[in-house]
Amino acid sequence: MATDSNNTQSPTDERAVSYPKLFAFFIPLGLSASLVTISHVIINSTLARSAQPELIIASYAVAMSLIGLAERPAVLLRQTCSALVRDRRSFRAMSAIAWYVFLCIFAYGILISYTPIGNWVFANFFGVEDEQLSAVIDVYRILMYVSIFSGLRCLYHGLIIYNRRTTWLTIGMVIRLLVMYAIAQYYLMTDQVTSGRVGAVIFLAGMMIECLVSVLEGRSLLRKKIPEELEEHPVKRQRDVFSFYRPLLYSSFIAVIIGPSITAVLGKTDQMELSIASFAIAGSLTQLVQSFFSYIHQIVLNFYRIDQTRVFRFTLFMAFIPTLLIGLLSYTPAGPLFLQHVMGVNEQLLHASLQTLRIFMIMTLLFPWLDYCNGILMLKGQTKVMVWSQAANVTVTVSTLLICITATPGWNAMIGALAQSLGFAGELAVVLVLLRHMSDDATRIGPFKRRESAGA
């Protein structure tokens, strides 16, 4: 479903887009995304201070990797709502799709948590030992509710973002972090960090608080700002929403294979617990830096039709910052100082995490441009392309994992970082090729734009 007609702008939006306007829209989004990652840093640093950090972080990380299967479809509600919802009628159609998603997430969680399926998956796919199975399942029984609250939060995020009230995303995240930090300190002061369940409880409490803030602000917008029905708006029924959401959903089902695959392969390295723990820590730091730049697609969705050149230049300015920051953490004393004094990581885990972080620099270089191109695809309603690009990502990632675990199992967590980075490279390559060959000549992506034919 094309979204060209879905992005009708108000008269004030038709003015040339200034850089201050882009920054005012983008910075609250970036801050909220970065704060999401800080929440994982809080959890990992809390678990790292336990008596058996590698074992406990590994149990939490394994359960979290399977949560991705449920949370990715929920997170896609944010992009879908932001792109399609313009009145209350379209929001009702969007909400109906969202509740179907929530019911599926809940059923999935019950199957994993309370049937033999969960034990089989964790034991056979992730290589969890019998004595650790109950600990991993206990963590998952709490985390399964995180995905539902995350999806509800993302549904209202779409409303908030389109109405340019992005500061509320930052406010919600600040409150969430304060709650999570307070709970983490309670566990540390009472010396109760004895299992991965602690991390799951901290995460769930924070997500519930953020969800509450988003729902309250979103409902306020529905009452005060959003009209009942816009006659020219084509999104009126559930099928109008689903035609846009379905390809995103398919691509997410393909993409969620990546996390469990990496965890499973790391479980077969020379030092399993160290590999999983160091990958989790390096990954959380990478996401802490990269997440600030993960809303570039929203800049495209909201401003690209108004001023394509300025949006591209804005992206060009922002794109190399995450790689520079990860380089500072990887190759200067700032990285070891942060890992030791902020996250409480011991010497062996610190060294392994830094090695993994250096490999992740490849991914941070590629991600902003992938997000930029995906924003163009969503703006044009070409979400079907994402199915093919995600398939390329998974293919490259899994192939790299299999090659590395066979040839160099001693690389430990670096195997996962390299595979994930090369997967992003494969995904970006497919997106660029398909954008280049789109028949619509209005598609422009800066230096990647199609050359005009000689007779044009």
Protein backbone atom coordinates (compact mmCIF):
# COMPACT_ATOMS: atom_id res chain seq x y z
CA MET A 1 0.00 0.00 0.00
CA ALA A 2 1.51 3.31 -1.03
CA THR A 3 1.60 5.99 1.61
CA ASP A 4 2.06 9.04 -0.60
CA SER A 5 -1.48 10.23 0.11
CA ASN A 6 -1.16 9.39 3.76
CA ASN A 7 1.40 12.09 4.48
CA THR A 8 -0.66 15.20 3.88
CA GLN A 9 1.13 18.09 5.57
CA SER A 10 -0.39 21.12 7.24
CA PRO A 11 0.38 24.54 5.73
CA THR A 12 3.08 25.22 8.30
CA ASP A 13 4.81 21.97 7.33
CA GLU A 14 5.21 23.14 3.75
CA ARG A 15 7.83 25.72 4.73
CA ALA A 16 11.46 24.85 4.05
CA VAL A 17 12.83 22.55 6.74
CA SER A 18 15.52 24.19 8.84
CA TYR A 19 18.29 22.31 10.62
CA PRO A 20 17.12 23.58 14.03
CA LYS A 21 13.69 22.13 13.26
CA LEU A 22 15.23 18.77 12.36
CA PHE A 23 17.34 18.75 15.51
CA ALA A 24 14.38 19.77 17.68
CA PHE A 25 12.42 16.80 16.30
CA PHE A 26 15.29 14.31 16.28
CA ILE A 27 17.14 14.93 19.55
CA PRO A 28 14.27 13.88 21.87
CA LEU A 29 13.84 10.73 19.77
CA GLY A 30 17.56 10.01 19.93
CA LEU A 31 17.68 10.62 23.65
CA SER A 32 14.74 8.30 24.30
CA ALA A 33 16.37 5.56 22.21
CA SER A 34 19.70 5.99 23.99
CA LEU A 35 17.98 5.86 27.34
CA VAL A 36 16.41 2.55 26.32
CA THR A 37 19.91 1.17 25.95
CA ILE A 38 21.00 2.64 29.27
CA SER A 39 18.27 0.52 30.83
CA HIS A 40 20.08 -2.59 29.55
CA VAL A 41 23.36 -1.21 30.86
CA ILE A 42 21.72 -0.81 34.29
CA ILE A 43 20.57 -4.42 34.19
CA ASN A 44 23.86 -5.88 32.97
CA SER A 45 25.91 -3.83 35.44
CA THR A 46 23.63 -4.97 38.27
CA LEU A 47 23.98 -8.62 37.29
CA ALA A 48 27.74 -8.17 36.81
CA ARG A 49 28.06 -7.44 40.54
CA SER A 50 26.71 -10.85 41.53
CA ALA A 51 28.83 -13.69 42.88
CA GLN A 52 28.65 -15.54 39.53
CA PRO A 53 28.35 -12.76 36.91
CA GLU A 54 29.07 -14.82 33.77
CA LEU A 55 26.52 -17.48 34.73
CA ILE A 56 23.76 -15.06 35.72
CA ILE A 57 24.26 -12.67 32.77
CA ALA A 58 24.26 -15.66 30.43
CA SER A 59 20.92 -16.93 31.80
CA TYR A 60 19.39 -13.48 31.36
CA ALA A 61 20.91 -13.00 27.88
CA VAL A 62 19.64 -16.36 26.62
CA ALA A 63 16.09 -15.57 27.76
CA MET A 64 16.33 -12.07 26.24
CA SER A 65 17.42 -13.43 22.87
CA LEU A 66 14.20 -15.41 22.58
CA ILE A 67 12.12 -12.40 23.65
CA GLY A 68 13.16 -10.79 20.37
CA LEU A 69 10.84 -13.16 18.54
CA ALA A 70 7.90 -11.53 20.31
CA GLU A 71 9.08 -7.94 20.66
CA ARG A 72 10.06 -7.18 17.07
CA PRO A 73 6.48 -7.40 15.71
CA ALA A 74 5.34 -5.22 18.62
CA VAL A 75 7.98 -2.54 17.96
CA LEU A 76 6.87 -2.35 14.30
CA LEU A 77 3.58 -0.89 15.52
CA ARG A 78 5.45 2.41 16.09
CA GLN A 79 6.47 2.85 12.45
CA THR A 80 3.10 1.68 11.17
CA CYS A 81 1.12 4.03 13.39
CA SER A 82 3.40 6.97 12.59
CA ALA A 83 3.07 6.36 8.85
CA LEU A 84 -0.66 5.62 8.64
CA VAL A 85 -2.71 7.08 11.52
CA ARG A 86 -4.09 10.55 10.81
CA ASP A 87 -7.54 10.43 12.44
CA ARG A 88 -9.41 8.44 15.10
CA ARG A 89 -10.95 6.12 12.54
CA SER A 90 -7.53 5.02 11.27
CA PHE A 91 -6.32 4.71 14.89
CA ARG A 92 -9.18 2.31 15.66
CA ALA A 93 -8.16 0.19 12.68
CA MET A 94 -4.55 0.36 13.86
CA SER A 95 -5.55 -0.60 17.41
CA ALA A 96 -7.44 -3.66 16.21
CA ILE A 97 -4.30 -4.94 14.45
CA ALA A 98 -2.27 -4.16 17.57
CA TRP A 99 -4.51 -6.24 19.83
CA TYR A 100 -4.20 -9.22 17.49
CA VAL A 101 -0.43 -8.83 17.83
CA PHE A 102 -0.65 -8.67 21.63
CA LEU A 103 -2.76 -11.84 21.80
CA CYS A 104 -0.24 -13.71 19.64
CA ILE A 105 2.63 -12.48 21.84
CA PHE A 106 0.87 -13.71 24.97
CA ALA A 107 0.12 -17.13 23.46
CA TYR A 108 3.76 -17.44 22.36
CA GLY A 109 4.95 -16.58 25.86
CA ILE A 110 2.70 -19.18 27.46
CA LEU A 111 4.01 -21.88 25.11
CA ILE A 112 7.63 -21.11 25.90
CA SER A 113 7.14 -20.60 29.63
CA TYR A 114 4.74 -23.35 30.63
CA THR A 115 5.01 -26.17 28.11
CA PRO A 116 7.86 -28.59 27.23
CA ILE A 117 8.45 -26.53 24.07
CA GLY A 118 10.43 -23.97 26.07
CA ASN A 119 12.70 -26.57 27.65
CA TRP A 120 13.31 -28.17 24.26
CA VAL A 121 14.16 -24.86 22.56
CA PHE A 122 16.55 -23.70 25.26
CA ALA A 123 18.22 -27.10 25.61
CA ASN A 124 18.57 -28.05 21.96
CA PHE A 125 18.88 -24.73 20.15
CA PHE A 126 20.74 -22.67 22.75
CA GLY A 127 22.69 -25.52 24.31
CA VAL A 128 21.57 -24.70 27.87
CA GLU A 129 22.63 -27.38 30.35
CA ASP A 130 19.95 -29.26 32.28
CA GLU A 131 20.90 -27.66 35.59
CA GLN A 132 20.49 -24.17 34.07
CA LEU A 133 17.17 -24.75 32.28
CA SER A 134 14.97 -23.82 35.23
CA ALA A 135 16.89 -20.57 35.77
CA VAL A 136 16.46 -19.52 32.14
CA ILE A 137 12.75 -20.43 32.11
CA ASP A 138 12.19 -18.46 35.33
CA VAL A 139 13.70 -15.37 33.67
CA TYR A 140 11.57 -15.84 30.57
CA ARG A 141 8.32 -16.14 32.58
CA ILE A 142 8.84 -12.55 33.68
CA LEU A 143 10.20 -11.18 30.40
CA MET A 144 7.22 -12.46 28.38
CA TYR A 145 5.12 -9.57 29.70
CA VAL A 146 7.72 -7.00 28.66
CA SER A 147 6.83 -7.52 24.98
CA ILE A 148 3.14 -6.75 25.57
CA PHE A 149 3.80 -3.50 27.41
CA SER A 150 6.44 -2.60 24.82
CA GLY A 151 3.93 -3.04 21.99
CA LEU A 152 1.30 -0.91 23.71
CA ARG A 153 3.93 1.77 24.29
CA CYS A 154 4.96 1.71 20.61
CA LEU A 155 1.36 2.01 19.42
CA TYR A 156 1.02 5.36 21.20
CA HIS A 157 4.56 6.38 20.28
CA GLY A 158 3.39 6.48 16.67
CA LEU A 159 0.74 9.07 17.55
CA ILE A 160 3.18 11.11 19.61
CA ILE A 161 5.87 11.15 16.92
CA TYR A 162 3.58 12.16 14.05
CA ASN A 163 2.19 15.01 16.14
CA ARG A 164 5.78 16.23 16.74
CA ARG A 165 5.57 15.84 20.54
CA THR A 166 8.74 13.78 20.68
CA THR A 167 9.82 15.27 24.02
CA TRP A 168 7.30 12.97 25.68
CA LEU A 169 9.31 9.95 24.58
CA THR A 170 12.30 11.33 26.46
CA ILE A 171 10.17 12.12 29.52
CA GLY A 172 8.80 8.58 29.60
CA MET A 173 12.27 7.10 29.33
CA VAL A 174 13.71 9.30 32.09
CA ILE A 175 10.96 8.18 34.47
CA ARG A 176 11.52 4.57 33.41
CA LEU A 177 15.25 4.80 34.12
CA LEU A 178 14.74 6.35 37.54
CA VAL A 179 12.43 3.49 38.50
CA MET A 180 14.81 0.85 37.14
CA TYR A 181 17.82 2.39 38.87
CA ALA A 182 15.97 2.57 42.18
CA ILE A 183 14.96 -1.10 41.96
CA ALA A 184 18.50 -2.11 40.95
CA GLN A 185 19.95 -0.27 43.94
CA TYR A 186 17.48 -1.99 46.22
CA TYR A 187 18.61 -5.41 44.99
CA LEU A 188 22.27 -4.45 45.35
CA MET A 189 21.91 -2.98 48.84
CA THR A 190 19.98 -6.01 50.08
CA ASP A 191 22.44 -8.39 48.40
CA GLN A 192 19.66 -10.15 46.44
CA VAL A 193 21.33 -10.30 43.01
CA THR A 194 21.37 -14.08 42.91
CA SER A 195 19.70 -14.91 39.57
CA GLY A 196 18.75 -13.51 36.18
CA ARG A 197 15.21 -12.96 37.51
CA VAL A 198 16.50 -9.74 39.06
CA GLY A 199 17.25 -8.33 35.61
CA ALA A 200 13.83 -9.40 34.33
CA VAL A 201 11.99 -7.72 37.22
CA ILE A 202 13.94 -4.47 36.71
CA PHE A 203 13.19 -4.51 32.97
CA LEU A 204 9.46 -5.25 33.38
CA ALA A 205 8.95 -2.54 36.00
CA GLY A 206 10.62 0.05 33.80
CA MET A 207 8.65 -0.92 30.71
CA MET A 208 5.34 -0.71 32.57
CA ILE A 209 6.13 2.82 33.73
CA GLU A 210 7.16 4.01 30.25
CA CYS A 211 4.05 2.42 28.75
CA LEU A 212 1.83 4.29 31.22
CA VAL A 213 3.37 7.67 30.28
CA SER A 214 2.97 6.96 26.54
CA VAL A 215 -0.65 5.84 26.87
CA LEU A 216 -1.61 8.92 28.90
CA GLU A 217 -0.05 11.32 26.39
CA GLY A 218 -1.39 9.39 23.39
CA ARG A 219 -4.93 9.36 24.76
CA SER A 220 -4.68 13.09 25.39
CA LEU A 221 -3.73 13.65 21.75
CA LEU A 222 -6.67 11.54 20.59
CA ARG A 223 -9.08 13.68 22.61
CA LYS A 224 -7.63 17.12 21.85
CA LYS A 225 -5.66 17.07 18.59
CA ILE A 226 -6.70 14.24 16.31
CA PRO A 227 -9.93 14.60 14.28
CA GLU A 228 -12.59 11.92 14.17
CA GLU A 229 -12.31 11.37 10.41
CA LEU A 230 -10.46 12.90 7.47
CA GLU A 231 -12.35 12.19 4.26
CA GLU A 232 -9.22 12.29 2.08
CA HIS A 233 -7.31 9.86 4.29
CA PRO A 234 -7.35 6.39 2.64
CA VAL A 235 -6.68 4.33 5.79
CA LYS A 236 -10.13 3.39 7.05
CA ARG A 237 -10.17 -0.35 7.71
CA GLN A 238 -7.98 -2.99 9.28
CA ARG A 239 -6.94 -4.33 5.89
CA ASP A 240 -5.59 -0.90 4.93
CA VAL A 241 -3.28 -1.07 7.93
CA PHE A 242 -2.41 -4.73 7.48
CA SER A 243 -1.32 -4.29 3.85
CA PHE A 244 1.41 -1.94 5.13
CA TYR A 245 2.19 -3.84 8.33
CA ARG A 246 2.27 -7.36 6.87
CA PRO A 247 5.60 -7.04 4.98
CA LEU A 248 7.17 -5.43 8.05
CA LEU A 249 5.87 -8.36 10.09
CA TYR A 250 7.29 -10.91 7.66
CA SER A 251 10.66 -9.17 7.67
CA SER A 252 10.66 -9.11 11.47
CA PHE A 253 9.98 -12.85 11.60
CA ILE A 254 12.99 -13.34 9.37
CA ALA A 255 15.19 -10.92 11.35
CA VAL A 256 14.52 -12.42 14.79
CA ILE A 257 16.41 -15.52 13.72
CA ILE A 258 19.60 -13.50 14.07
CA GLY A 259 19.65 -13.07 17.86
CA PRO A 260 18.97 -16.71 18.76
CA SER A 261 21.40 -17.89 16.06
CA ILE A 262 24.22 -15.77 17.47
CA THR A 263 23.51 -16.92 21.03
CA ALA A 264 23.37 -20.55 19.91
CA VAL A 265 26.72 -20.32 18.12
CA LEU A 266 28.34 -18.49 21.03
CA GLY A 267 27.22 -21.42 23.16
CA LYS A 268 29.52 -23.62 21.08
CA THR A 269 32.65 -21.46 21.37
CA ASP A 270 35.69 -22.37 23.44
CA GLN A 271 34.47 -20.29 26.41
CA MET A 272 30.66 -20.34 26.28
CA GLU A 273 29.75 -18.29 29.35
CA LEU A 274 32.46 -15.68 28.71
CA SER A 275 31.41 -15.40 25.06
CA ILE A 276 27.72 -14.84 25.80
CA ALA A 277 28.42 -12.42 28.66
CA SER A 278 31.00 -10.33 26.76
CA PHE A 279 28.78 -10.22 23.66
CA ALA A 280 25.88 -9.00 25.83
CA ILE A 281 28.03 -6.25 27.40
CA ALA A 282 29.65 -5.13 24.12
CA GLY A 283 26.27 -5.28 22.39
CA SER A 284 24.63 -3.15 25.08
CA LEU A 285 27.38 -0.51 24.77
CA THR A 286 27.10 -0.54 20.98
CA GLN A 287 23.36 -0.08 21.20
CA LEU A 288 23.84 2.67 23.77
CA VAL A 289 25.79 4.65 21.16
CA GLN A 290 23.96 3.54 18.03
CA SER A 291 20.44 3.82 19.40
CA PHE A 292 20.61 7.63 19.47
CA PHE A 293 20.71 7.50 15.67
CA SER A 294 18.04 4.82 15.25
CA TYR A 295 15.21 7.26 14.43
CA ILE A 296 16.64 8.60 11.20
CA HIS A 297 13.79 6.80 9.42
CA GLN A 298 11.36 9.08 11.30
CA ILE A 299 13.19 12.14 9.96
CA VAL A 300 12.62 10.70 6.49
CA LEU A 301 8.95 9.91 7.16
CA ASN A 302 8.17 13.37 8.48
CA PHE A 303 10.42 15.70 6.46
CA TYR A 304 11.74 13.98 3.32
CA ARG A 305 8.86 15.09 1.07
CA ILE A 306 9.34 18.69 2.21
CA ASP A 307 13.12 18.98 1.75
CA GLN A 308 14.99 15.92 0.46
CA THR A 309 18.38 17.61 0.22
CA ARG A 310 18.37 18.92 3.77
CA VAL A 311 17.26 15.56 5.16
CA PHE A 312 20.14 13.87 3.33
CA ARG A 313 22.68 16.40 4.58
CA PHE A 314 21.36 16.00 8.11
CA THR A 315 21.83 12.23 7.82
CA LEU A 316 25.33 12.69 6.39
CA PHE A 317 26.27 14.83 9.38
CA MET A 318 24.93 12.31 11.91
CA ALA A 319 25.98 9.05 10.24
CA PHE A 320 29.63 8.86 11.28
CA ILE A 321 29.23 9.94 14.90
CA PRO A 322 28.38 6.47 16.33
CA THR A 323 31.51 4.91 14.77
CA LEU A 324 33.69 7.65 16.23
CA LEU A 325 32.19 7.14 19.70
CA ILE A 326 32.63 3.37 19.61
CA GLY A 327 36.22 3.91 18.44
CA LEU A 328 36.87 6.11 21.49
CA LEU A 329 35.52 3.41 23.81
CA SER A 330 37.46 0.66 22.03
CA TYR A 331 40.89 2.24 21.63
CA THR A 332 41.23 4.78 24.45
CA PRO A 333 41.26 4.44 28.26
CA ALA A 334 37.63 5.64 28.29
CA GLY A 335 36.41 2.12 27.45
CA PRO A 336 38.17 0.22 30.27
CA LEU A 337 37.30 2.99 32.75
CA PHE A 338 33.61 2.81 31.82
CA LEU A 339 33.50 -0.98 31.93
CA GLN A 340 35.29 -1.19 35.28
CA HIS A 341 33.85 1.69 37.24
CA VAL A 342 30.37 2.07 35.75
CA MET A 343 29.49 -1.50 34.82
CA GLY A 344 31.68 -3.28 37.37
CA VAL A 345 33.13 -5.71 34.80
CA ASN A 346 36.08 -7.86 35.91
CA GLU A 347 39.41 -8.10 34.06
CA GLN A 348 38.76 -11.17 31.89
CA LEU A 349 35.27 -10.06 30.91
CA LEU A 350 36.55 -6.51 30.28
CA HIS A 351 39.22 -7.65 27.81
CA ALA A 352 36.78 -9.89 25.90
CA SER A 353 34.16 -7.10 25.76
CA LEU A 354 36.65 -4.58 24.32
CA GLN A 355 37.71 -7.01 21.59
CA THR A 356 34.07 -7.54 20.64
CA LEU A 357 33.35 -3.80 20.72
CA ARG A 358 36.05 -3.13 18.10
CA ILE A 359 34.33 -5.47 15.64
CA PHE A 360 31.00 -3.74 16.22
CA MET A 361 32.45 -0.56 14.68
CA ILE A 362 31.60 -2.02 11.26
CA MET A 363 27.91 -2.21 12.16
CA THR A 364 27.77 1.34 13.52
CA LEU A 365 29.16 2.63 10.23
CA LEU A 366 26.43 0.93 8.20
CA PHE A 367 23.33 1.28 10.37
CA PRO A 368 22.47 5.01 9.91
CA TRP A 369 22.37 4.60 6.12
CA LEU A 370 20.28 1.45 6.37
CA ASP A 371 17.79 3.29 8.59
CA TYR A 372 17.73 6.21 6.15
CA CYS A 373 16.99 3.95 3.19
CA ASN A 374 14.34 2.02 5.13
CA GLY A 375 12.63 5.33 5.89
CA ILE A 376 12.36 5.99 2.15
CA LEU A 377 10.90 2.53 1.62
CA MET A 378 8.25 3.12 4.30
CA LEU A 379 7.46 6.59 2.94
CA LYS A 380 6.86 5.10 -0.51
CA GLY A 381 4.86 2.18 0.88
CA GLN A 382 7.47 -0.26 -0.46
CA THR A 383 7.72 -2.28 2.75
CA LYS A 384 7.81 -5.49 0.70
CA VAL A 385 11.44 -4.74 -0.12
CA MET A 386 12.31 -5.22 3.55
CA VAL A 387 11.42 -8.90 3.35
CA TRP A 388 14.20 -9.43 0.80
CA SER A 389 16.71 -7.22 2.60
CA GLN A 390 16.13 -8.97 5.92
CA ALA A 391 16.48 -12.33 4.20
CA ALA A 392 19.88 -11.17 2.94
CA ASN A 393 20.84 -10.08 6.45
CA VAL A 394 19.95 -13.46 7.94
CA THR A 395 21.68 -15.37 5.14
CA VAL A 396 24.94 -13.46 5.54
CA THR A 397 24.81 -13.56 9.34
CA VAL A 398 24.15 -17.29 9.63
CA SER A 399 26.73 -18.11 6.94
CA THR A 400 29.36 -16.07 8.77
CA LEU A 401 28.48 -17.74 12.08
CA LEU A 402 28.83 -21.22 10.62
CA ILE A 403 32.13 -20.43 8.91
CA CYS A 404 33.65 -18.78 11.98
CA ILE A 405 32.54 -21.36 14.54
CA THR A 406 34.05 -24.06 12.33
CA ALA A 407 37.28 -22.28 11.49
CA THR A 408 37.97 -20.05 14.52
CA PRO A 409 35.93 -21.05 17.63
CA GLY A 410 38.53 -19.28 19.78
CA TRP A 411 37.29 -15.89 18.55
CA ASN A 412 34.45 -16.28 21.08
CA ALA A 413 32.13 -13.23 21.14
CA MET A 414 33.92 -11.61 18.19
CA ILE A 415 32.24 -14.22 15.99
CA GLY A 416 28.82 -12.81 16.87
CA ALA A 417 29.90 -9.20 16.34
CA LEU A 418 31.44 -9.94 12.94
CA ALA A 419 28.44 -11.96 11.78
CA GLN A 420 25.96 -9.27 12.84
CA SER A 421 28.01 -6.52 11.16
CA LEU A 422 28.35 -8.37 7.86
CA GLY A 423 24.63 -9.14 8.00
CA PHE A 424 23.90 -5.40 8.07
CA ALA A 425 26.21 -4.96 5.09
CA GLY A 426 24.25 -7.57 3.14
CA GLU A 427 20.92 -5.95 4.07
CA LEU A 428 22.07 -2.47 3.04
CA ALA A 429 23.41 -3.79 -0.27
CA VAL A 430 20.03 -5.29 -1.18
CA VAL A 431 18.13 -2.13 -0.19
CA LEU A 432 20.42 0.08 -2.29
CA VAL A 433 20.15 -2.18 -5.32
CA LEU A 434 16.34 -2.32 -5.15
CA LEU A 435 15.99 1.41 -4.54
CA ARG A 436 18.25 2.09 -7.51
CA HIS A 437 16.07 -0.01 -9.79
CA MET A 438 12.68 1.25 -8.66
CA SER A 439 10.62 2.49 -11.55
CA ASP A 440 9.44 5.60 -9.67
CA ASP A 441 11.82 8.38 -10.75
CA ALA A 442 10.80 10.44 -7.71
CA THR A 443 12.90 8.21 -5.48
CA ARG A 444 16.08 10.06 -4.49
CA ILE A 445 18.65 8.93 -1.98
CA GLY A 446 21.43 11.48 -2.22
CA PRO A 447 24.56 10.11 -3.89
CA PHE A 448 22.79 6.81 -4.55
CA LYS A 449 20.11 8.34 -6.80
CA ARG A 450 19.49 6.78 -10.17
CA ARG A 451 21.24 8.36 -13.12
CA GLU A 452 18.94 9.95 -15.61
CA SER A 453 19.04 8.43 -19.04
CA ALA A 454 20.63 10.42 -21.87
CA GLY A 455 17.28 11.13 -23.45
CA ALA A 456 15.62 12.39 -20.26
